[in-house]
Amino acid sequence: MDTITYKTQSLVREMRNQKDYKEYRRLQKKLEEDQALFHRVNEYRKRSFLLHNRPDVGNIMQEVRNLREEYKEELVNPLVMDYLIAEQKVCKMIRDVSEIIAENIDLDYSFLEE
């Protein structure tokens, strides 16, 4: 196994041992106990992700409000909100690691500006 692979696996183990990741997994397992609710939450997560990552922005704020209104019943559930917050913390941890790597590895992106 090469050094980068070994250290990457070590980083993953460390990330999985973090309090935020453990909380995320605990909440996910608890949420999975109610398969109907878990399915609705996943529908919300998917639609929210697609909304925030589409090329045509449009009136995104109104669409986010509409989406939240449509899933209002799920979003007032404390377990659902705790799960979504925990997910955001894990995503931030991954994003922070990715940003550190991107900021410290010199790649030429000038072709994107042409």
Protein backbone atom coordinates (compact mmCIF):
# COMPACT_ATOMS: atom_id res chain seq x y z
CA MET A 1 0.00 0.00 0.00
CA ASP A 2 1.43 3.36 -0.92
CA THR A 3 1.92 6.12 1.63
CA ILE A 4 -0.91 8.34 0.36
CA THR A 5 -3.44 5.51 0.47
CA TYR A 6 -2.31 4.52 3.96
CA LYS A 7 -2.52 8.09 5.27
CA THR A 8 -5.87 8.64 3.57
CA GLN A 9 -7.28 5.55 5.26
CA SER A 10 -5.86 6.82 8.54
CA LEU A 11 -7.56 10.19 7.98
CA VAL A 12 -10.86 8.44 7.27
CA ARG A 13 -10.57 6.43 10.47
CA GLU A 14 -9.88 9.63 12.38
CA MET A 15 -12.86 11.37 10.81
CA ARG A 16 -15.12 8.42 11.63
CA ASN A 17 -13.99 8.66 15.26
CA GLN A 18 -15.00 12.30 15.53
CA LYS A 19 -17.93 13.16 17.79
CA ASP A 20 -19.88 14.83 14.94
CA TYR A 21 -19.61 11.78 12.68
CA LYS A 22 -20.61 9.39 15.46
CA GLU A 23 -23.61 11.59 16.26
CA TYR A 24 -24.60 11.67 12.60
CA ARG A 25 -24.50 7.86 12.36
CA ARG A 26 -26.41 7.46 15.65
CA LEU A 27 -29.16 9.80 14.46
CA GLN A 28 -29.32 8.13 11.07
CA LYS A 29 -29.83 4.72 12.66
CA LYS A 30 -32.54 6.13 14.90
CA LEU A 31 -34.26 7.79 11.96
CA GLU A 32 -34.09 4.55 9.93
CA GLU A 33 -36.30 2.92 12.57
CA ASP A 34 -39.21 4.80 10.98
CA GLN A 35 -38.79 3.85 7.32
CA ALA A 36 -41.63 6.11 6.11
CA LEU A 37 -40.13 9.14 7.82
CA PHE A 38 -36.63 8.23 6.66
CA HIS A 39 -37.92 7.97 3.08
CA ARG A 40 -39.55 11.43 3.29
CA VAL A 41 -36.39 12.94 4.79
CA ASN A 42 -34.33 11.45 1.98
CA GLU A 43 -36.75 12.88 -0.58
CA TYR A 44 -36.30 16.28 1.05
CA ARG A 45 -32.50 15.91 1.11
CA LYS A 46 -32.41 14.91 -2.56
CA ARG A 47 -34.65 17.74 -3.72
CA SER A 48 -32.76 20.25 -1.59
CA PHE A 49 -29.42 19.04 -2.97
CA LEU A 50 -30.65 19.25 -6.57
CA LEU A 51 -32.15 22.68 -5.96
CA HIS A 52 -28.92 24.06 -4.53
CA ASN A 53 -26.71 22.49 -7.21
CA ARG A 54 -28.54 23.19 -10.41
CA PRO A 55 -27.09 25.48 -13.07
CA ASP A 56 -30.16 27.74 -13.44
CA VAL A 57 -30.53 29.52 -10.14
CA GLY A 58 -33.85 31.25 -10.77
CA ASN A 59 -35.63 32.38 -7.62
CA ILE A 60 -33.85 29.92 -5.35
CA MET A 61 -34.93 31.56 -2.10
CA GLN A 62 -38.61 31.19 -2.97
CA GLU A 63 -38.08 27.61 -4.10
CA VAL A 64 -36.26 26.79 -0.85
CA ARG A 65 -39.18 28.28 1.11
CA ASN A 66 -41.63 26.23 -0.96
CA LEU A 67 -39.63 23.05 -0.38
CA ARG A 68 -39.47 23.70 3.36
CA GLU A 69 -43.19 24.35 3.43
CA GLU A 70 -43.87 21.09 1.60
CA TYR A 71 -41.79 19.17 4.17
CA LYS A 72 -42.86 21.27 7.15
CA GLU A 73 -44.23 18.27 9.05
CA GLU A 74 -40.91 16.44 8.81
CA LEU A 75 -38.79 19.53 9.52
CA VAL A 76 -40.50 20.26 12.84
CA ASN A 77 -39.53 16.80 14.07
CA PRO A 78 -36.54 17.26 16.46
CA LEU A 79 -34.95 13.99 15.31
CA VAL A 80 -35.08 15.09 11.68
CA MET A 81 -33.62 18.51 12.46
CA ASP A 82 -30.87 17.03 14.62
CA TYR A 83 -30.05 14.59 11.82
CA LEU A 84 -29.90 17.32 9.17
CA ILE A 85 -27.70 19.49 11.40
CA ALA A 86 -25.39 16.55 12.10
CA GLU A 87 -25.20 15.86 8.37
CA GLN A 88 -24.18 19.46 7.74
CA LYS A 89 -21.41 19.18 10.33
CA VAL A 90 -20.04 16.04 8.65
CA CYS A 91 -20.24 17.72 5.23
CA LYS A 92 -18.34 20.71 6.63
CA MET A 93 -15.64 18.41 7.99
CA ILE A 94 -15.24 16.82 4.55
CA ARG A 95 -15.30 20.22 2.84
CA ASP A 96 -12.65 21.59 5.20
CA VAL A 97 -10.33 18.67 4.46
CA SER A 98 -10.92 19.07 0.72
CA GLU A 99 -10.22 22.81 0.90
CA ILE A 100 -6.96 22.26 2.77
CA ILE A 101 -5.82 19.82 0.10
CA ALA A 102 -6.92 22.08 -2.77
CA GLU A 103 -5.25 25.14 -1.24
CA ASN A 104 -1.95 23.34 -0.76
CA ILE A 105 -1.63 21.40 -4.01
CA ASP A 106 -0.58 23.68 -6.84
CA LEU A 107 -2.64 22.92 -9.94
CA ASP A 108 -2.98 25.16 -12.96
CA TYR A 109 -6.63 26.13 -13.37
CA SER A 110 -5.98 29.05 -15.71
CA PHE A 111 -7.56 27.16 -18.61
CA LEU A 112 -10.92 27.76 -16.96
CA GLU A 113 -10.50 31.50 -17.35
CA GLU A 114 -9.88 31.37 -21.11
